[in-house]
């Protein structure tokens, strides 16, 4: 991996205040409370029990997305302008890492199929079911919300806060491990199926290539771009099979 000296110098790094707010909004607001709030609002407005209406969920994710983007708009736009300076070169970097990502994805799927048989993670199954039931909502969630918000959290905040000029390997490990954990922990707490943690390796591997794109483009938009491509390609494949 090519290490970015621009990131070494803290270019476009979020302030401590912004970082704390981003982490609280994501882990407390979105991961922990959004589902509860969605169920309550669905019951109050649509008189439906133990479910989240798609319009309610859309409103919640858009509020979180717009709020966080507005909060960090200055460093985010500065990073975008920097990304555009070498747009074609950065585009090639993103495409290269996207190719590596999908090779890893194919190989990891084969390995996991030998271990677990013909099954996918509960998180992935929920996404597939969601695309079938509410394609517009899940298009926004997978191709807009996740690439921007998750990259702000895992690469924009967590990775940069643990990264230093002398050592960035620990930061890579923390960033990709937490990314993998977030994508399996909630479903494990519901199913209590320990095999869900095997899929953590797959999600962490995907996150590694997002870190690569971040480092090699020196911009958070490098990781946002590859995250978007991965999710968009996956969404299209699922949608075409419905």
Protein backbone atom coordinates (compact mmCIF):
# COMPACT_ATOMS: atom_id res chain seq x y z
CA UNK A 1 0.00 0.00 0.00
CA UNK A 2 1.26 3.48 -0.88
CA UNK A 3 1.28 5.60 2.25
CA UNK A 4 -0.02 9.16 1.90
CA UNK A 5 2.20 11.93 3.21
CA UNK A 6 -0.75 14.29 2.94
CA UNK A 7 -2.64 12.19 5.48
CA UNK A 8 0.53 12.10 7.59
CA UNK A 9 0.27 15.88 7.79
CA UNK A 10 -3.39 15.72 8.84
CA UNK A 11 -4.78 17.19 5.62
CA UNK A 12 -8.58 17.52 5.84
CA UNK A 13 -8.64 15.75 9.23
CA UNK A 14 -11.80 16.36 11.25
CA UNK A 15 -11.58 18.29 14.51
CA UNK A 16 -11.99 16.46 17.82
CA UNK A 17 -15.40 18.08 18.28
CA UNK A 18 -16.60 16.98 14.84
CA UNK A 19 -15.18 13.50 15.36
CA UNK A 20 -17.01 12.98 18.65
CA UNK A 21 -20.30 14.18 17.15
CA UNK A 22 -19.89 11.90 14.10
CA UNK A 23 -19.22 8.87 16.31
CA UNK A 24 -22.14 9.65 18.63
CA UNK A 25 -24.57 10.21 15.78
CA UNK A 26 -23.55 6.97 14.07
CA UNK A 27 -23.07 4.53 16.95
CA UNK A 28 -25.67 5.94 19.35
CA UNK A 29 -28.09 7.60 16.95
CA UNK A 30 -28.06 5.27 13.94
CA UNK A 31 -26.82 1.90 15.19
CA UNK A 32 -28.54 1.94 18.60
CA UNK A 33 -31.55 4.28 18.55
CA UNK A 34 -32.70 4.67 14.94
CA UNK A 35 -34.50 1.32 14.94
CA UNK A 36 -36.32 2.08 18.19
CA UNK A 37 -37.33 5.55 17.00
CA UNK A 38 -38.46 4.09 13.66
CA UNK A 39 -40.68 1.50 15.33
CA UNK A 40 -42.25 4.11 17.64
CA UNK A 41 -42.94 6.58 14.79
CA UNK A 42 -44.35 3.81 12.60
CA UNK A 43 -46.79 2.82 15.35
CA UNK A 44 -47.82 6.43 15.99
CA UNK A 45 -48.25 7.43 12.34
CA UNK A 46 -49.16 4.22 10.52
CA UNK A 47 -50.59 2.15 13.42
CA UNK A 48 -48.27 -0.75 12.58
CA UNK A 49 -46.65 -2.70 15.42
CA UNK A 50 -43.04 -3.96 15.59
CA UNK A 51 -41.99 -2.70 12.17
CA UNK A 52 -40.43 0.36 10.52
CA UNK A 53 -42.31 1.87 7.62
CA UNK A 54 -40.00 2.52 4.61
CA UNK A 55 -40.88 6.23 4.56
CA UNK A 56 -39.95 6.56 8.24
CA UNK A 57 -36.62 4.79 7.69
CA UNK A 58 -35.94 6.97 4.64
CA UNK A 59 -36.56 10.11 6.71
CA UNK A 60 -34.22 8.90 9.47
CA UNK A 61 -31.30 8.02 7.19
CA UNK A 62 -31.65 11.23 5.17
CA UNK A 63 -31.68 13.29 8.37
CA UNK A 64 -28.50 11.58 9.58
CA UNK A 65 -26.84 11.87 6.16
CA UNK A 66 -27.66 15.54 5.63
CA UNK A 67 -26.78 16.42 9.23
CA UNK A 68 -23.35 14.79 9.14
CA UNK A 69 -22.46 16.12 5.68
CA UNK A 70 -23.44 19.63 6.75
CA UNK A 71 -21.41 19.29 9.94
CA UNK A 72 -18.17 18.41 8.12
CA UNK A 73 -18.91 20.24 4.87
CA UNK A 74 -15.73 22.33 4.89
CA UNK A 75 -13.11 19.53 5.22
CA UNK A 76 -15.30 17.29 3.04
CA UNK A 77 -15.41 19.83 0.21
CA UNK A 78 -11.71 20.63 0.59
CA UNK A 79 -10.96 16.92 0.26
CA UNK A 80 -13.20 16.72 -2.81
CA UNK A 81 -11.40 19.62 -4.49
CA UNK A 82 -8.08 17.90 -3.79
CA UNK A 83 -9.46 14.63 -5.22
CA UNK A 84 -10.52 16.44 -8.42
CA UNK A 85 -7.02 17.84 -9.03
CA UNK A 86 -5.85 14.40 -10.15
CA UNK A 87 -9.26 13.06 -11.08
CA UNK A 88 -8.22 10.60 -13.81
CA UNK A 89 -5.32 9.20 -11.80
CA UNK A 90 -7.51 8.86 -8.72
CA UNK A 91 -10.23 7.23 -10.80
CA UNK A 92 -7.69 4.64 -11.97
CA UNK A 93 -6.63 4.02 -8.37
CA UNK A 94 -10.23 3.50 -7.29
CA UNK A 95 -10.92 1.12 -10.20
CA UNK A 96 -7.73 -0.83 -9.47
CA UNK A 97 -8.68 -1.30 -5.81
CA UNK A 98 -12.24 -2.12 -6.81
CA UNK A 99 -10.85 -4.94 -8.94
CA UNK A 100 -8.76 -6.21 -6.03
CA UNK A 101 -11.80 -5.95 -3.77
CA UNK A 102 -13.95 -8.11 -6.02
CA UNK A 103 -11.22 -10.72 -6.42
CA UNK A 104 -11.04 -10.87 -2.63
CA UNK A 105 -14.84 -11.03 -2.43
CA UNK A 106 -15.03 -13.96 -4.85
CA UNK A 107 -12.24 -15.88 -3.09
CA UNK A 108 -13.69 -15.24 0.38
CA UNK A 109 -17.14 -16.35 -0.80
CA UNK A 110 -15.66 -19.61 -2.06
CA UNK A 111 -13.83 -20.19 1.24
CA UNK A 112 -16.91 -19.39 3.32
CA UNK A 113 -19.08 -21.65 1.14
CA UNK A 114 -16.77 -24.57 1.96
CA UNK A 115 -17.16 -23.82 5.67
CA UNK A 116 -20.81 -22.77 5.90
CA UNK A 117 -22.41 -24.15 2.76
CA UNK A 118 -24.72 -22.12 0.55
CA UNK A 119 -25.57 -19.25 2.88
CA UNK A 120 -24.75 -15.58 3.29
CA UNK A 121 -24.56 -13.35 6.32
CA UNK A 122 -27.82 -12.25 7.93
CA UNK A 123 -26.88 -8.66 7.12
CA UNK A 124 -26.57 -9.51 3.42
CA UNK A 125 -29.83 -11.47 3.48
CA UNK A 126 -31.60 -8.50 5.04
CA UNK A 127 -30.24 -6.22 2.31
CA UNK A 128 -31.45 -8.60 -0.42
CA UNK A 129 -34.91 -8.79 1.17
CA UNK A 130 -34.94 -5.01 1.57
CA UNK A 131 -34.08 -4.42 -2.09
CA UNK A 132 -36.98 -6.68 -3.10
CA UNK A 133 -39.44 -4.95 -0.74
CA UNK A 134 -38.32 -1.31 -1.00
CA UNK A 135 -35.82 -0.82 -3.85
CA UNK A 136 -35.74 3.00 -3.74
CA UNK A 137 -35.09 3.05 0.00
CA UNK A 138 -32.32 0.47 -0.25
CA UNK A 139 -30.80 2.17 -3.27
CA UNK A 140 -30.37 5.29 -1.12
CA UNK A 141 -29.16 3.29 1.88
CA UNK A 142 -26.59 1.21 0.01
CA UNK A 143 -25.36 3.65 -2.63
CA UNK A 144 -25.58 7.02 -0.87
CA UNK A 145 -25.92 6.67 2.91
CA UNK A 146 -23.49 3.80 3.53
CA UNK A 147 -20.61 5.02 1.32
CA UNK A 148 -20.67 8.55 2.75
CA UNK A 149 -21.62 8.02 6.40
CA UNK A 150 -19.64 4.82 6.99
CA UNK A 151 -16.53 6.32 5.38
CA UNK A 152 -16.86 9.44 7.51
CA UNK A 153 -16.95 7.19 10.58
CA UNK A 154 -14.46 4.42 9.81
CA UNK A 155 -11.91 6.16 7.58
CA UNK A 156 -12.61 9.84 8.24
CA UNK A 157 -12.61 9.58 12.04
CA UNK A 158 -11.50 6.23 13.46
CA UNK A 159 -8.72 5.52 10.98
CA UNK A 160 -7.22 9.00 11.10
CA UNK A 161 -7.44 9.31 14.89
CA UNK A 162 -5.47 6.12 15.44
CA UNK A 163 -3.09 6.71 12.53
CA UNK A 164 0.28 8.33 13.15
CA UNK A 165 3.30 9.29 11.09
CA UNK A 166 5.34 6.48 12.65
CA UNK A 167 2.81 3.67 12.53
CA UNK A 168 -0.41 3.21 10.62
CA UNK A 169 -0.80 -0.57 10.81
CA UNK A 170 -2.70 -0.40 14.12
CA UNK A 171 -5.04 2.19 12.61
CA UNK A 172 -5.74 -0.11 9.65
CA UNK A 173 -6.48 -3.02 11.99
CA UNK A 174 -8.82 -0.98 14.20
CA UNK A 175 -10.67 0.58 11.26
CA UNK A 176 -11.31 -2.63 9.33
CA UNK A 177 -12.04 -4.71 12.46
CA UNK A 178 -14.66 -2.28 13.74
CA UNK A 179 -16.17 -2.06 10.25
CA UNK A 180 -16.47 -5.85 10.16
CA UNK A 181 -17.81 -6.02 13.70
CA UNK A 182 -20.55 -3.45 13.08
CA UNK A 183 -21.81 -5.49 10.12
CA UNK A 184 -22.19 -8.74 12.09
CA UNK A 185 -22.68 -7.80 15.75
CA UNK A 186 -26.29 -6.63 15.52
CA UNK A 187 -27.41 -9.77 13.71
CA UNK A 188 -25.46 -11.96 16.15
CA UNK A 189 -27.27 -10.32 19.07
CA UNK A 190 -30.57 -11.29 17.43
CA UNK A 191 -29.69 -14.78 16.19
CA UNK A 192 -26.97 -15.76 18.72
CA UNK A 193 -25.36 -17.63 15.84
CA UNK A 194 -21.58 -17.58 16.35
CA UNK A 195 -20.94 -18.44 12.72
CA UNK A 196 -21.97 -14.87 11.86
CA UNK A 197 -18.54 -13.79 13.07
CA UNK A 198 -16.95 -15.70 10.19
CA UNK A 199 -18.44 -13.10 7.86
CA UNK A 200 -16.59 -10.42 9.83
CA UNK A 201 -13.42 -11.47 7.98
CA UNK A 202 -15.14 -10.74 4.67
CA UNK A 203 -16.39 -7.29 5.69
CA UNK A 204 -13.00 -6.40 7.19
CA UNK A 205 -11.32 -7.44 3.95
CA UNK A 206 -13.58 -5.14 1.96
CA UNK A 207 -12.75 -2.31 4.36
CA UNK A 208 -9.03 -2.86 3.77
CA UNK A 209 -9.40 -1.87 0.13
CA UNK A 210 -11.30 1.23 1.20
CA UNK A 211 -8.30 2.15 3.37
CA UNK A 212 -6.03 1.55 0.36
CA UNK A 213 -8.08 3.93 -1.77
CA UNK A 214 -8.01 6.52 1.00
CA UNK A 215 -4.23 6.33 1.33
CA UNK A 216 -3.45 6.17 -2.39
CA UNK A 217 -5.68 9.13 -3.31
CA UNK A 218 -4.97 11.10 -0.09
CA UNK A 219 -8.70 11.82 0.03
CA UNK A 220 -11.74 10.47 1.85
CA UNK A 221 -13.44 10.57 -1.55
CA UNK A 222 -11.20 7.74 -2.66
CA UNK A 223 -12.70 5.44 -0.04
CA UNK A 224 -16.21 6.83 -0.60
CA UNK A 225 -15.86 6.11 -4.33
CA UNK A 226 -14.81 2.48 -3.94
CA UNK A 227 -17.47 1.94 -1.27
CA UNK A 228 -20.06 3.32 -3.68
CA UNK A 229 -18.85 1.13 -6.55
CA UNK A 230 -18.92 -1.99 -4.41
CA UNK A 231 -22.43 -1.34 -3.11
CA UNK A 232 -23.79 -0.15 -6.47
CA UNK A 233 -22.46 -3.23 -8.25
CA UNK A 234 -23.93 -5.48 -5.55
CA UNK A 235 -27.28 -3.66 -5.66
CA UNK A 236 -27.49 -4.02 -9.45
CA UNK A 237 -26.68 -7.74 -9.31
CA UNK A 238 -29.36 -8.35 -6.69
CA UNK A 239 -31.95 -6.14 -8.42
CA UNK A 240 -31.43 -7.90 -11.77
CA UNK A 241 -32.14 -11.30 -10.18
CA UNK A 242 -35.43 -10.27 -8.56
